[in-house]
Amino acid sequence: MDIVTPILLSLLAGSSTGIGGLIVLLFGKIEERVIGFLMGFAGGVMLIVSFLQLYSQALTNITPIKAVFAFAIGTFFMMLIDLTLPHIEFGEWERDVKDRRLFNSGIVIAIGMSLHNLPEGIVVSAGYSHLPRLGILVAIMICFHNIPEGIATVMPLIQSGVNKWRAVGLATVSGLMEPVGAIIGVGFFMAFGGSTSIVGWALGFASGVMTYITIDELIPIAHEYCTLDNKHMVSTGLLTGMIFAQLLSIII
């Protein structure tokens, strides 16, 4: 089993959060409607890879009812993570903050990204163990998902008074949880084997994880950034992301 490539792929995908932060440093404050479009685009990409790639491949390895249960486990797992977020203490990061509300929103997103990137690394491992091209495709899709999330993390941190490079560093570190997840996934497959059944359950689980992130995080945040006058920016981004993901699936 190739254990290096999925880890490298997840490292590439995870580092995209830092790229999002650098975009903020280069261009300053990004227009809210642009963030709404990018979040919608990321959501469209994630939905396509979740159902047309991960879930459909799960159905080729396990029965439909098992795929449903695997999907449900993935969604409930992510829901459990979200429910635990409010109990996290932010510690020393709270010093010298000008705007507590904006600061907390950035930190919550950053911590949420760290916890979300962990299972996303498992997603890359699951996809690659089944089919290398699927792992590559998933990693690329997650890149497009992580860039706008990096922007959404760094902007409120900088606006609340956090040093700009520290904010970018926080976003980058949160993305580095993804290769940790990939290592966990690789270790799991090495310990329990890469049987058809195991891979099928892993792909169903991965589909549930990515779907939950999309409907609970990306799309709602996109609408928060867009006013009623710009609400079509979200749907435009969503549909553009779906079309882009389908075309990319054909090319790779």
Protein backbone atom coordinates (compact mmCIF):
# COMPACT_ATOMS: atom_id res chain seq x y z
CA MET A 1 0.00 0.00 0.00
CA ASP A 2 1.28 3.47 -0.93
CA ILE A 3 1.31 5.36 2.38
CA VAL A 4 3.25 8.44 1.29
CA THR A 5 1.12 9.79 -1.56
CA PRO A 6 -2.18 10.24 0.35
CA ILE A 7 -0.30 12.03 3.13
CA LEU A 8 1.35 14.37 0.61
CA LEU A 9 -1.99 14.97 -1.11
CA SER A 10 -3.64 15.86 2.19
CA LEU A 11 -0.72 18.16 3.02
CA LEU A 12 -1.28 19.97 -0.27
CA ALA A 13 -5.01 20.25 0.38
CA GLY A 14 -4.55 21.38 3.98
CA SER A 15 -2.00 24.06 3.11
CA SER A 16 -4.64 25.78 0.99
CA THR A 17 -6.03 27.43 4.11
CA GLY A 18 -2.76 29.34 4.34
CA ILE A 19 -3.17 30.36 0.70
CA GLY A 20 -6.55 31.85 1.60
CA GLY A 21 -4.89 33.83 4.37
CA LEU A 22 -2.19 35.11 2.03
CA ILE A 23 -4.89 36.31 -0.37
CA VAL A 24 -6.25 38.51 2.41
CA LEU A 25 -2.77 39.95 3.01
CA LEU A 26 -2.27 40.65 -0.69
CA PHE A 27 -5.66 42.18 -1.48
CA GLY A 28 -6.83 43.42 1.91
CA LYS A 29 -10.48 43.07 2.88
CA ILE A 30 -12.32 40.90 0.37
CA GLU A 31 -15.80 42.05 -0.69
CA GLU A 32 -18.51 40.12 1.10
CA ARG A 33 -20.29 39.15 -2.12
CA VAL A 34 -17.00 37.68 -3.41
CA ILE A 35 -16.64 35.58 -0.27
CA GLY A 36 -20.27 34.49 -0.67
CA PHE A 37 -19.56 33.40 -4.24
CA LEU A 38 -16.37 31.55 -3.23
CA MET A 39 -18.12 29.78 -0.35
CA GLY A 40 -20.94 28.79 -2.70
CA PHE A 41 -18.40 27.58 -5.26
CA ALA A 42 -16.67 25.49 -2.60
CA GLY A 43 -20.03 24.06 -1.55
CA GLY A 44 -20.86 23.05 -5.13
CA VAL A 45 -17.50 21.35 -5.51
CA MET A 46 -17.93 19.47 -2.25
CA LEU A 47 -21.44 18.26 -3.05
CA ILE A 48 -20.40 16.87 -6.42
CA VAL A 49 -17.39 15.01 -5.06
CA SER A 50 -19.47 13.75 -2.11
CA PHE A 51 -22.22 12.13 -4.16
CA LEU A 52 -20.94 11.57 -7.71
CA GLN A 53 -17.56 10.31 -6.55
CA LEU A 54 -17.37 9.13 -2.94
CA TYR A 55 -20.92 7.88 -2.38
CA SER A 56 -21.27 6.34 -5.83
CA GLN A 57 -17.98 4.49 -5.31
CA ALA A 58 -19.16 3.33 -1.89
CA LEU A 59 -22.17 1.70 -3.57
CA THR A 60 -19.83 -0.36 -5.75
CA ASN A 61 -18.23 -1.87 -2.65
CA ILE A 62 -21.06 -2.31 -0.14
CA THR A 63 -24.83 -2.68 -0.22
CA PRO A 64 -27.02 0.45 -0.45
CA ILE A 65 -28.27 0.09 3.14
CA LYS A 66 -24.69 -0.16 4.44
CA ALA A 67 -23.77 2.90 2.40
CA VAL A 68 -26.64 4.81 4.02
CA PHE A 69 -25.45 3.82 7.49
CA ALA A 70 -21.84 4.78 6.64
CA PHE A 71 -23.05 8.15 5.33
CA ALA A 72 -25.12 8.69 8.50
CA ILE A 73 -22.14 7.87 10.73
CA GLY A 74 -20.07 10.48 8.88
CA THR A 75 -22.71 13.18 9.30
CA PHE A 76 -23.31 12.42 12.99
CA PHE A 77 -19.57 12.37 13.61
CA MET A 78 -19.23 15.90 12.22
CA MET A 79 -22.32 17.02 14.13
CA LEU A 80 -20.74 15.75 17.35
CA ILE A 81 -17.62 17.80 16.60
CA ASP A 82 -19.71 20.93 16.01
CA LEU A 83 -21.63 20.45 19.23
CA THR A 84 -18.40 20.33 21.23
CA LEU A 85 -16.93 23.55 19.75
CA PRO A 86 -18.65 26.02 22.14
CA HIS A 87 -16.90 24.35 25.10
CA ILE A 88 -13.37 25.07 23.83
CA GLU A 89 -11.39 27.66 25.79
CA PHE A 90 -9.36 30.06 23.67
CA GLY A 91 -6.69 30.83 26.29
CA GLU A 92 -3.92 33.31 25.55
CA TRP A 93 -5.32 34.16 22.11
CA GLU A 94 -7.84 36.41 23.87
CA ARG A 95 -5.22 38.99 24.91
CA ASP A 96 -5.05 42.39 23.17
CA VAL A 97 -8.26 41.90 21.24
CA LYS A 98 -10.09 45.00 19.98
CA ASP A 99 -13.32 43.35 18.84
CA ARG A 100 -14.23 40.25 20.86
CA ARG A 101 -17.15 39.24 18.62
CA LEU A 102 -15.12 39.31 15.42
CA PHE A 103 -12.18 37.64 17.16
CA ASN A 104 -14.28 34.82 18.53
CA SER A 105 -15.87 34.21 15.13
CA GLY A 106 -12.45 33.85 13.58
CA ILE A 107 -11.14 31.57 16.31
CA VAL A 108 -14.25 29.38 16.22
CA ILE A 109 -13.89 29.02 12.47
CA ALA A 110 -10.18 28.24 12.85
CA ILE A 111 -10.79 25.57 15.48
CA GLY A 112 -13.68 24.20 13.46
CA MET A 113 -11.44 24.03 10.42
CA SER A 114 -8.79 22.16 12.40
CA LEU A 115 -11.31 19.57 13.54
CA HIS A 116 -12.89 19.36 10.09
CA ASN A 117 -9.53 18.96 8.38
CA LEU A 118 -8.76 15.91 10.49
CA PRO A 119 -11.54 13.78 8.95
CA GLU A 120 -10.89 15.40 5.56
CA GLY A 121 -7.46 13.80 5.67
CA ILE A 122 -9.20 10.47 6.27
CA VAL A 123 -11.36 11.26 3.23
CA VAL A 124 -8.27 11.61 1.04
CA SER A 125 -6.87 8.33 2.39
CA ALA A 126 -10.16 6.52 1.77
CA GLY A 127 -10.42 7.83 -1.78
CA TYR A 128 -6.81 7.03 -2.64
CA SER A 129 -6.95 3.52 -1.15
CA HIS A 130 -9.90 2.74 -3.41
CA LEU A 131 -8.63 4.45 -6.54
CA PRO A 132 -5.56 6.73 -6.77
CA ARG A 133 -7.26 9.13 -9.18
CA LEU A 134 -10.15 9.47 -6.74
CA GLY A 135 -7.75 10.44 -3.97
CA ILE A 136 -6.13 13.04 -6.23
CA LEU A 137 -9.54 14.39 -7.26
CA VAL A 138 -10.73 14.65 -3.65
CA ALA A 139 -7.54 16.44 -2.62
CA ILE A 140 -7.97 19.00 -5.42
CA MET A 141 -11.62 19.54 -4.49
CA ILE A 142 -10.68 20.09 -0.84
CA CYS A 143 -8.12 22.69 -1.98
CA PHE A 144 -10.94 24.72 -3.53
CA HIS A 145 -12.90 24.30 -0.31
CA ASN A 146 -10.06 25.34 2.02
CA ILE A 147 -9.04 28.57 0.24
CA PRO A 148 -12.28 30.49 0.98
CA GLU A 149 -12.31 29.05 4.50
CA GLY A 150 -8.82 30.42 5.00
CA ILE A 151 -10.11 33.84 3.91
CA ALA A 152 -13.06 33.56 6.31
CA THR A 153 -10.67 32.73 9.15
CA VAL A 154 -8.02 35.39 8.62
CA MET A 155 -10.25 38.40 7.86
CA PRO A 156 -12.09 38.57 11.22
CA LEU A 157 -8.87 37.85 13.13
CA ILE A 158 -7.05 40.76 11.48
CA GLN A 159 -10.07 43.05 11.91
CA SER A 160 -10.14 42.23 15.62
CA GLY A 161 -6.53 43.31 16.08
CA VAL A 162 -4.60 40.06 15.77
CA ASN A 163 -1.24 40.39 14.01
CA LYS A 164 -1.75 39.60 10.32
CA TRP A 165 1.02 37.02 10.13
CA ARG A 166 -0.18 35.35 13.32
CA ALA A 167 -3.65 35.13 11.77
CA VAL A 168 -2.26 33.54 8.60
CA GLY A 169 -0.20 31.19 10.75
CA LEU A 170 -3.29 30.09 12.66
CA ALA A 171 -5.12 29.34 9.42
CA THR A 172 -2.13 27.42 8.08
CA VAL A 173 -1.70 25.36 11.23
CA SER A 174 -5.39 24.48 11.21
CA GLY A 175 -4.92 23.10 7.70
CA LEU A 176 -1.99 20.95 8.81
CA MET A 177 -4.43 18.79 10.76
CA GLU A 178 -5.39 17.27 7.42
CA PRO A 179 -2.20 15.21 6.92
CA VAL A 180 -2.65 14.06 10.52
CA GLY A 181 -6.03 12.71 9.47
CA ALA A 182 -4.43 11.08 6.44
CA ILE A 183 -1.92 9.33 8.70
CA ILE A 184 -4.79 8.06 10.86
CA GLY A 185 -6.56 6.83 7.74
CA VAL A 186 -3.46 5.09 6.40
CA GLY A 187 -2.86 3.49 9.80
CA PHE A 188 -6.46 2.28 9.89
CA PHE A 189 -6.23 0.64 6.47
CA MET A 190 -2.88 -0.94 7.33
CA ALA A 191 -4.28 -2.34 10.59
CA PHE A 192 -7.60 -3.62 9.28
CA GLY A 193 -6.72 -4.23 5.66
CA GLY A 194 -8.06 -2.66 2.51
CA SER A 195 -10.90 -5.08 1.89
CA THR A 196 -13.77 -4.07 -0.37
CA SER A 197 -16.11 -3.79 2.62
CA ILE A 198 -13.74 -1.60 4.67
CA VAL A 199 -13.12 0.74 1.74
CA GLY A 200 -16.86 0.97 1.02
CA TRP A 201 -17.66 1.96 4.60
CA ALA A 202 -14.81 4.48 4.56
CA LEU A 203 -16.06 6.08 1.33
CA GLY A 204 -19.62 6.29 2.67
CA PHE A 205 -18.32 7.85 5.87
CA ALA A 206 -16.24 10.33 3.85
CA SER A 207 -19.27 11.30 1.79
CA GLY A 208 -21.24 12.04 4.96
CA VAL A 209 -18.40 14.14 6.40
CA MET A 210 -18.08 16.33 3.30
CA THR A 211 -21.83 16.71 2.86
CA TYR A 212 -22.28 17.84 6.46
CA ILE A 213 -19.51 20.42 6.14
CA THR A 214 -21.18 21.78 3.01
CA ILE A 215 -24.75 22.11 4.26
CA ASP A 216 -23.93 23.12 7.83
CA GLU A 217 -20.98 25.41 7.21
CA LEU A 218 -20.17 26.50 3.67
CA ILE A 219 -23.63 27.38 2.37
CA PRO A 220 -24.91 29.08 5.58
CA ILE A 221 -21.69 31.14 5.87
CA ALA A 222 -21.99 32.10 2.20
CA HIS A 223 -25.48 33.49 2.82
CA GLU A 224 -24.28 35.36 5.91
CA TYR A 225 -21.76 37.22 3.78
CA CYS A 226 -24.27 38.06 1.04
CA THR A 227 -27.13 40.48 1.58
CA LEU A 228 -30.53 39.98 -0.05
CA ASP A 229 -29.38 42.11 -2.97
CA ASN A 230 -26.48 39.72 -3.58
CA LYS A 231 -28.11 36.43 -2.61
CA HIS A 232 -27.80 35.14 -6.16
CA MET A 233 -24.01 35.25 -5.79
CA VAL A 234 -24.25 32.20 -3.54
CA SER A 235 -26.41 30.15 -5.92
CA THR A 236 -24.25 31.26 -8.85
CA GLY A 237 -21.14 30.12 -7.00
CA LEU A 238 -22.83 26.86 -6.01
CA LEU A 239 -23.84 26.00 -9.58
CA THR A 240 -20.47 27.12 -10.98
CA GLY A 241 -18.69 24.90 -8.46
CA MET A 242 -20.87 21.93 -9.43
CA ILE A 243 -20.17 22.38 -13.13
CA PHE A 244 -16.45 22.88 -12.48
CA ALA A 245 -16.27 19.74 -10.32
CA GLN A 246 -18.01 17.64 -12.98
CA LEU A 247 -15.64 18.87 -15.68
CA LEU A 248 -12.64 18.24 -13.45
CA SER A 249 -13.91 14.71 -12.75
CA ILE A 250 -13.89 14.04 -16.50
CA ILE A 251 -10.39 15.41 -16.99
CA ILE A 252 -8.69 13.57 -14.11
